[in-house]
PDB file of N, CA and C in Angstrom:
ATOM      1  N   MET A   1      21.281  35.546 105.580  1.00  0.00           N
ATOM      2  CA  MET A   1      20.715  34.210 105.461  1.00  0.00           C
ATOM      3  C   MET A   1      19.966  33.855 106.732  1.00  0.00           C
ATOM      4  N   GLY A   2      20.501  34.255 107.900  1.00  0.00           N
ATOM      5  CA  GLY A   2      19.918  33.864 109.171  1.00  0.00           C
ATOM      6  C   GLY A   2      18.466  34.270 109.321  1.00  0.00           C
ATOM      7  N   GLY A   3      18.075  35.419 108.778  1.00  0.00           N
ATOM      8  CA  GLY A   3      16.696  35.870 108.879  1.00  0.00           C
ATOM      9  C   GLY A   3      15.726  35.013 108.100  1.00  0.00           C
ATOM     10  N   ASN A   4      16.215  34.257 107.170  1.00  0.00           N
ATOM     11  CA  ASN A   4      15.349  33.430 106.334  1.00  0.00           C
ATOM     12  C   ASN A   4      15.123  32.036 106.900  1.00  0.00           C
ATOM     13  N   LEU A   5      15.744  31.717 108.030  1.00  0.00           N
ATOM     14  CA  LEU A   5      15.644  30.366 108.568  1.00  0.00           C
ATOM     15  C   LEU A   5      14.229  30.008 108.998  1.00  0.00           C
ATOM     16  N   PHE A   6      13.402  30.997 109.330  1.00  0.00           N
ATOM     17  CA  PHE A   6      12.038  30.675 109.737  1.00  0.00           C
ATOM     18  C   PHE A   6      11.214  30.145 108.563  1.00  0.00           C
ATOM     19  N   HIS A   7      11.714  30.292 107.342  1.00  0.00           N
ATOM     20  CA  HIS A   7      11.026  29.756 106.164  1.00  0.00           C
ATOM     21  C   HIS A   7      11.247  28.253 105.999  1.00  0.00           C
ATOM     22  N   CYS A   8      12.253  27.712 106.647  1.00  0.00           N
ATOM     23  CA  CYS A   8      12.599  26.297 106.459  1.00  0.00           C
ATOM     24  C   CYS A   8      11.418  25.357 106.669  1.00  0.00           C
ATOM     25  N   PRO A   9      10.691  25.450 107.784  1.00  0.00           N
ATOM     26  CA  PRO A   9       9.553  24.532 107.948  1.00  0.00           C
ATOM     27  C   PRO A   9       8.481  24.733 106.874  1.00  0.00           C
ATOM     28  N   LYS A  10       8.329  25.967 106.408  1.00  0.00           N
ATOM     29  CA  LYS A  10       7.309  26.256 105.401  1.00  0.00           C
ATOM     30  C   LYS A  10       7.630  25.589 104.063  1.00  0.00           C
ATOM     31  N   ILE A  11       8.922  25.509 103.714  1.00  0.00           N
ATOM     32  CA  ILE A  11       9.295  24.911 102.425  1.00  0.00           C
ATOM     33  C   ILE A  11       9.776  23.476 102.574  1.00  0.00           C
ATOM     34  N   GLY A  12       9.795  22.977 103.808  1.00  0.00           N
ATOM     35  CA  GLY A  12      10.113  21.566 104.031  1.00  0.00           C
ATOM     36  C   GLY A  12      11.588  21.224 103.928  1.00  0.00           C
ATOM     37  N   CYS A  13      12.453  22.098 104.417  1.00  0.00           N
ATOM     38  CA  CYS A  13      13.880  21.786 104.409  1.00  0.00           C
ATOM     39  C   CYS A  13      14.484  22.153 105.759  1.00  0.00           C
ATOM     40  N   THR A  14      15.693  21.714 105.970  1.00  0.00           N
ATOM     41  CA  THR A  14      16.397  22.034 107.209  1.00  0.00           C
ATOM     42  C   THR A  14      17.174  23.333 107.029  1.00  0.00           C
ATOM     43  N   PRO A  15      17.542  23.986 108.121  1.00  0.00           N
ATOM     44  CA  PRO A  15      18.382  25.189 107.992  1.00  0.00           C
ATOM     45  C   PRO A  15      19.697  24.905 107.266  1.00  0.00           C
ATOM     46  N   GLU A  16      20.265  23.723 107.469  1.00  0.00           N
ATOM     47  CA  GLU A  16      21.519  23.367 106.790  1.00  0.00           C
ATOM     48  C   GLU A  16      21.315  23.303 105.277  1.00  0.00           C
ATOM     49  N   THR A  17      20.203  22.715 104.840  1.00  0.00           N
ATOM     50  CA  THR A  17      19.905  22.642 103.403  1.00  0.00           C
ATOM     51  C   THR A  17      19.785  24.039 102.816  1.00  0.00           C
ATOM     52  N   LEU A  18      19.069  24.912 103.515  1.00  0.00           N
ATOM     53  CA  LEU A  18      18.908  26.280 103.036  1.00  0.00           C
ATOM     54  C   LEU A  18      20.259  26.993 102.963  1.00  0.00           C
ATOM     55  N   ARG A  19      21.126  26.762 103.950  1.00  0.00           N
ATOM     56  CA  ARG A  19      22.458  27.365 103.953  1.00  0.00           C
ATOM     57  C   ARG A  19      23.274  26.882 102.751  1.00  0.00           C
ATOM     58  N   VAL A  20      23.222  25.568 102.474  1.00  0.00           N
ATOM     59  CA  VAL A  20      23.956  25.003 101.335  1.00  0.00           C
ATOM     60  C   VAL A  20      23.444  25.599 100.029  1.00  0.00           C
ATOM     61  N   TRP A  21      22.131  25.701  99.890  1.00  0.00           N
ATOM     62  CA  TRP A  21      21.561  26.295  98.681  1.00  0.00           C
ATOM     63  C   TRP A  21      22.024  27.738  98.515  1.00  0.00           C
ATOM     64  N   GLY A  22      22.021  28.489  99.618  1.00  0.00           N
ATOM     65  CA  GLY A  22      22.452  29.888  99.561  1.00  0.00           C
ATOM     66  C   GLY A  22      23.909  30.021  99.156  1.00  0.00           C
ATOM     67  N   ARG A  23      24.770  29.178  99.726  1.00  0.00           N
ATOM     68  CA  ARG A  23      26.195  29.231  99.378  1.00  0.00           C
ATOM     69  C   ARG A  23      26.408  28.856  97.914  1.00  0.00           C
ATOM     70  N   GLN A  24      25.665  27.851  97.417  1.00  0.00           N
ATOM     71  CA  GLN A  24      25.808  27.463  96.012  1.00  0.00           C
ATOM     72  C   GLN A  24      25.341  28.589  95.103  1.00  0.00           C
ATOM     73  N   HIS A  25      24.264  29.258  95.483  1.00  0.00           N
ATOM     74  CA  HIS A  25      23.783  30.393  94.690  1.00  0.00           C
ATOM     75  C   HIS A  25      24.847  31.495  94.638  1.00  0.00           C
ATOM     76  N   GLU A  26      25.500  31.751  95.771  1.00  0.00           N
ATOM     77  CA  GLU A  26      26.562  32.756  95.794  1.00  0.00           C
ATOM     78  C   GLU A  26      27.703  32.365  94.863  1.00  0.00           C
ATOM     79  N   ARG A  27      28.076  31.096  94.862  1.00  0.00           N
ATOM     80  CA  ARG A  27      29.145  30.635  93.963  1.00  0.00           C
ATOM     81  C   ARG A  27      28.731  30.818  92.508  1.00  0.00           C
ATOM     82  N   ASP A  28      27.483  30.428  92.211  1.00  0.00           N
ATOM     83  CA  ASP A  28      27.008  30.496  90.828  1.00  0.00           C
ATOM     84  C   ASP A  28      26.933  31.932  90.318  1.00  0.00           C
ATOM     85  N   THR A  29      26.719  32.880  91.210  1.00  0.00           N
ATOM     86  CA  THR A  29      26.613  34.277  90.793  1.00  0.00           C
ATOM     87  C   THR A  29      27.928  35.034  90.941  1.00  0.00           C
ATOM     88  N   GLY A  30      28.995  34.333  91.345  1.00  0.00           N
ATOM     89  CA  GLY A  30      30.314  34.947  91.392  1.00  0.00           C
ATOM     90  C   GLY A  30      30.665  35.645  92.686  1.00  0.00           C
ATOM     91  N   SER A  31      29.828  35.546  93.693  1.00  0.00           N
ATOM     92  CA  SER A  31      30.139  36.227  94.952  1.00  0.00           C
ATOM     93  C   SER A  31      30.416  35.236  96.075  1.00  0.00           C
ATOM     94  N   GLY A  32      30.724  34.013  95.716  1.00  0.00           N
ATOM     95  CA  GLY A  32      30.905  32.965  96.718  1.00  0.00           C
ATOM     96  C   GLY A  32      32.306  32.877  97.271  1.00  0.00           C
ATOM     97  N   ASP A  33      32.585  31.755  97.887  1.00  0.00           N
ATOM     98  CA  ASP A  33      33.837  31.530  98.604  1.00  0.00           C
ATOM     99  C   ASP A  33      34.913  30.883  97.739  1.00  0.00           C
ATOM    100  N   GLY A  34      34.731  30.886  96.441  1.00  0.00           N
ATOM    101  CA  GLY A  34      35.743  30.306  95.564  1.00  0.00           C
ATOM    102  C   GLY A  34      35.516  28.839  95.252  1.00  0.00           C
ATOM    103  N   GLY A  35      34.422  28.264  95.729  1.00  0.00           N
ATOM    104  CA  GLY A  35      34.109  26.875  95.410  1.00  0.00           C
ATOM    105  C   GLY A  35      33.644  26.744  93.969  1.00  0.00           C
ATOM    106  N   LEU A  36      33.346  25.532  93.566  1.00  0.00           N
ATOM    107  CA  LEU A  36      32.920  25.278  92.194  1.00  0.00           C
ATOM    108  C   LEU A  36      31.492  25.757  91.965  1.00  0.00           C
ATOM    109  N   THR A  37      31.263  26.353  90.798  1.00  0.00           N
ATOM    110  CA  THR A  37      29.896  26.695  90.419  1.00  0.00           C
ATOM    111  C   THR A  37      29.187  25.419  89.999  1.00  0.00           C
ATOM    112  N   SER A  38      27.877  25.505  89.839  1.00  0.00           N
ATOM    113  CA  SER A  38      27.110  24.334  89.407  1.00  0.00           C
ATOM    114  C   SER A  38      27.581  23.851  88.040  1.00  0.00           C
ATOM    115  N   ALA A  39      27.871  24.786  87.138  1.00  0.00           N
ATOM    116  CA  ALA A  39      28.342  24.415  85.802  1.00  0.00           C
ATOM    117  C   ALA A  39      29.707  23.735  85.880  1.00  0.00           C
ATOM    118  N   GLU A  40      30.592  24.266  86.725  1.00  0.00           N
ATOM    119  CA  GLU A  40      31.916  23.651  86.879  1.00  0.00           C
ATOM    120  C   GLU A  40      31.801  22.265  87.508  1.00  0.00           C
ATOM    121  N   ARG A  41      30.913  22.144  88.483  1.00  0.00           N
ATOM    122  CA  ARG A  41      30.703  20.850  89.139  1.00  0.00           C
ATOM    123  C   ARG A  41      30.190  19.813  88.132  1.00  0.00           C
ATOM    124  N   GLN A  42      29.256  20.230  87.258  1.00  0.00           N
ATOM    125  CA  GLN A  42      28.722  19.330  86.234  1.00  0.00           C
ATOM    126  C   GLN A  42      29.818  18.935  85.250  1.00  0.00           C
ATOM    127  N   ARG A  43      30.630  19.902  84.825  1.00  0.00           N
ATOM    128  CA  ARG A  43      31.724  19.619  83.880  1.00  0.00           C
ATOM    129  C   ARG A  43      32.738  18.668  84.502  1.00  0.00           C
ATOM    130  N   LEU A  44      33.057  18.870  85.780  1.00  0.00           N
ATOM    131  CA  LEU A  44      33.978  17.976  86.484  1.00  0.00           C
ATOM    132  C   LEU A  44      33.421  16.557  86.520  1.00  0.00           C
ATOM    133  N   LYS A  45      32.133  16.440  86.778  1.00  0.00           N
ATOM    134  CA  LYS A  45      31.487  15.121  86.807  1.00  0.00           C
ATOM    135  C   LYS A  45      31.590  14.444  85.438  1.00  0.00           C
ATOM    136  N   GLU A  46      31.354  15.209  84.368  1.00  0.00           N
ATOM    137  CA  GLU A  46      31.457  14.662  83.012  1.00  0.00           C
ATOM    138  C   GLU A  46      32.888  14.216  82.705  1.00  0.00           C
ATOM    139  N   LEU A  47      33.857  15.029  83.081  1.00  0.00           N
ATOM    140  CA  LEU A  47      35.261  14.682  82.822  1.00  0.00           C
ATOM    141  C   LEU A  47      35.693  13.457  83.622  1.00  0.00           C
ATOM    142  N   GLU A  48      35.212  13.341  84.853  1.00  0.00           N
ATOM    143  CA  GLU A  48      35.546  12.161  85.656  1.00  0.00           C
ATOM    144  C   GLU A  48      34.951  10.903  85.032  1.00  0.00           C
ATOM    145  N   ARG A  49      33.724  11.000  84.516  1.00  0.00           N
ATOM    146  CA  ARG A  49      33.090   9.857  83.852  1.00  0.00           C
ATOM    147  C   ARG A  49      33.873   9.474  82.593  1.00  0.00           C
ATOM    148  N   GLU A  50      34.249  10.480  81.798  1.00  0.00           N
ATOM    149  CA  GLU A  50      35.029  10.222  80.589  1.00  0.00           C
ATOM    150  C   GLU A  50      36.371   9.581  80.939  1.00  0.00           C
ATOM    151  N   ASN A  51      36.996  10.058  81.996  1.00  0.00           N
ATOM    152  CA  ASN A  51      38.276   9.515  82.438  1.00  0.00           C
ATOM    153  C   ASN A  51      38.130   8.037  82.816  1.00  0.00           C
ATOM    154  N   ARG A  52      37.064   7.700  83.557  1.00  0.00           N
ATOM    155  CA  ARG A  52      36.818   6.294  83.922  1.00  0.00           C
ATOM    156  C   ARG A  52      36.648   5.425  82.679  1.00  0.00           C
ATOM    157  N   GLU A  53      35.871   5.929  81.714  1.00  0.00           N
ATOM    158  CA  GLU A  53      35.636   5.167  80.485  1.00  0.00           C
ATOM    159  C   GLU A  53      36.933   4.964  79.705  1.00  0.00           C
ATOM    160  N   LEU A  54      37.755   5.987  79.620  1.00  0.00           N
ATOM    161  CA  LEU A  54      39.030   5.868  78.902  1.00  0.00           C
ATOM    162  C   LEU A  54      39.976   4.903  79.606  1.00  0.00           C
ATOM    163  N   ARG A  55      40.010   4.953  80.930  1.00  0.00           N
ATOM    164  CA  ARG A  55      40.850   4.004  81.674  1.00  0.00           C
ATOM    165  C   ARG A  55      40.377   2.573  81.442  1.00  0.00           C
ATOM    166  N   ARG A  56      39.067   2.383  81.439  1.00  0.00           N
ATOM    167  CA  ARG A  56      38.508   1.052  81.198  1.00  0.00           C
ATOM    168  C   ARG A  56      38.871   0.575  79.787  1.00  0.00           C
ATOM    169  N   SER A  57      38.740   1.455  78.800  1.00  0.00           N
ATOM    170  CA  SER A  57      39.090   1.099  77.420  1.00  0.00           C
ATOM    171  C   SER A  57      40.565   0.755  77.298  1.00  0.00           C
ATOM    172  N   ASN A  58      41.416   1.548  77.923  1.00  0.00           N
ATOM    173  CA  ASN A  58      42.856   1.270  77.880  1.00  0.00           C
ATOM    174  C   ASN A  58      43.179  -0.067  78.520  1.00  0.00           C
ATOM    175  N   ASP A  59      42.507  -0.389  79.610  1.00  0.00           N
ATOM    176  CA  ASP A  59      42.740  -1.666  80.279  1.00  0.00           C
ATOM    177  C   ASP A  59      42.332  -2.827  79.369  1.00  0.00           C
ATOM    178  N   ILE A  60      41.198  -2.690  78.698  1.00  0.00           N
ATOM    179  CA  ILE A  60      40.743  -3.736  77.773  1.00  0.00           C
ATOM    180  C   ILE A  60      41.744  -3.901  76.638  1.00  0.00           C
ATOM    181  N   LEU A  61      42.210  -2.789  76.066  1.00  0.00           N
ATOM    182  CA  LEU A  61      43.187  -2.861  74.974  1.00  0.00           C
ATOM    183  C   LEU A  61      44.504  -3.476  75.440  1.00  0.00           C
ATOM    184  N   ARG A  62      44.927  -3.137  76.653  1.00  0.00           N
ATOM    185  CA  ARG A  62      46.161  -3.701  77.208  1.00  0.00           C
ATOM    186  C   ARG A  62      46.024  -5.219  77.358  1.00  0.00           C
ATOM    187  N   GLN A  63      44.887  -5.673  77.876  1.00  0.00           N
ATOM    188  CA  GLN A  63      44.660  -7.106  78.053  1.00  0.00           C
ATOM    189  C   GLN A  63      44.584  -7.828  76.707  1.00  0.00           C
ATOM    190  N   ALA A  64      43.915  -7.213  75.737  1.00  0.00           N
ATOM    191  CA  ALA A  64      43.811  -7.823  74.411  1.00  0.00           C
ATOM    192  C   ALA A  64      45.184  -7.917  73.755  1.00  0.00           C
ATOM    193  N   SER A  65      45.975  -6.881  73.895  1.00  0.00           N
ATOM    194  CA  SER A  65      47.318  -6.883  73.328  1.00  0.00           C
ATOM    195  C   SER A  65      48.160  -7.998  73.936  1.00  0.00           C
ATOM    196  N   ALA A  66      48.087  -8.152  75.247  1.00  0.00           N
ATOM    197  CA  ALA A  66      48.846  -9.214  75.916  1.00  0.00           C
ATOM    198  C   ALA A  66      48.367 -10.588  75.458  1.00  0.00           C
ATOM    199  N   TYR A  67      47.062 -10.744  75.305  1.00  0.00           N
ATOM    200  CA  TYR A  67      46.500 -12.024  74.865  1.00  0.00           C
ATOM    201  C   TYR A  67      47.013 -12.384  73.471  1.00  0.00           C
ATOM    202  N   PHE A  68      46.936 -11.433  72.539  1.00  0.00           N
ATOM    203  CA  PHE A  68      47.361 -11.725  71.170  1.00  0.00           C
ATOM    204  C   PHE A  68      48.874 -11.880  71.060  1.00  0.00           C
ATOM    205  N   ALA A  69      49.630 -11.158  71.875  1.00  0.00           N
ATOM    206  CA  ALA A  69      51.084 -11.331  71.871  1.00  0.00           C
ATOM    207  C   ALA A  69      51.443 -12.734  72.345  1.00  0.00           C
ATOM    208  N   LYS A  70      50.758 -13.214  73.376  1.00  0.00           N
ATOM    209  CA  LYS A  70      51.002 -14.570  73.876  1.00  0.00           C
ATOM    210  C   LYS A  70      50.600 -15.601  72.825  1.00  0.00           C
ATOM    211  N   ALA A  71      49.472 -15.379  72.167  1.00  0.00           N
ATOM    212  CA  ALA A  71      49.026 -16.314  71.135  1.00  0.00           C
ATOM    213  C   ALA A  71      50.045 -16.381  69.997  1.00  0.00           C
ATOM    214  N   GLU A  72      50.592 -15.248  69.612  1.00  0.00           N
ATOM    215  CA  GLU A  72      51.593 -15.221  68.546  1.00  0.00           C
ATOM    216  C   GLU A  72      52.861 -15.937  69.002  1.00  0.00           C
ATOM    217  N   PHE A  73      53.276 -15.705  70.244  1.00  0.00           N
ATOM    218  CA  PHE A  73      54.449 -16.384  70.784  1.00  0.00           C
ATOM    219  C   PHE A  73      54.230 -17.899  70.785  1.00  0.00           C
ATOM    220  N   ASP A  74      53.057 -18.330  71.240  1.00  0.00           N
ATOM    221  CA  ASP A  74      52.742 -19.762  71.267  1.00  0.00           C
ATOM    222  C   ASP A  74      52.744 -20.351  69.856  1.00  0.00           C
ATOM    223  N   ARG A  75      52.220 -19.601  68.890  1.00  0.00           N
ATOM    224  CA  ARG A  75      52.174 -20.072  67.506  1.00  0.00           C
ATOM    225  C   ARG A  75      53.590 -20.250  66.965  1.00  0.00           C
ATOM    226  N   LEU A  76      54.465 -19.279  67.236  1.00  0.00           N
ATOM    227  CA  LEU A  76      55.844 -19.368  66.756  1.00  0.00           C
ATOM    228  C   LEU A  76      56.610 -20.478  67.478  1.00  0.00           C
ATOM    229  N   TRP A  77      56.344 -20.699  68.721  1.00  0.00           N
ATOM    230  CA  TRP A  77      57.032 -21.705  69.527  1.00  0.00           C
ATOM    231  C   TRP A  77      56.705 -23.118  69.046  1.00  0.00           C
ATOM    232  N   LYS A  78      55.487 -23.320  68.555  1.00  0.00           N
ATOM    233  CA  LYS A  78      55.043 -24.654  68.149  1.00  0.00           C
ATOM    234  C   LYS A  78      55.554 -25.040  66.767  1.00  0.00           C
ATOM    235  N   LYS A  79      56.138 -24.151  66.024  1.00  0.00           N
ATOM    236  CA  LYS A  79      56.631 -24.459  64.672  1.00  0.00           C
ATOM    237  C   LYS A  79      57.806 -25.361  64.697  1.00  0.00           C
TER     238      LYS A  79
END
């Protein structure tokens, strides 16, 4: 990788950016350091988004359930 650093100014990136790209390419091709591949990183991002949405939905359902339980209690109490 070190020999390619003189290309950085030509392509408009820093040596650190080029190093990160090289390491990600190694991961994606199976010769990396055991980090996540691009596909795994994308899947993780999708699962985290789905998890947030499910937590939000559960919170809404929990609040609605509490609201209707209280309304039913109030209705029975007023009889």
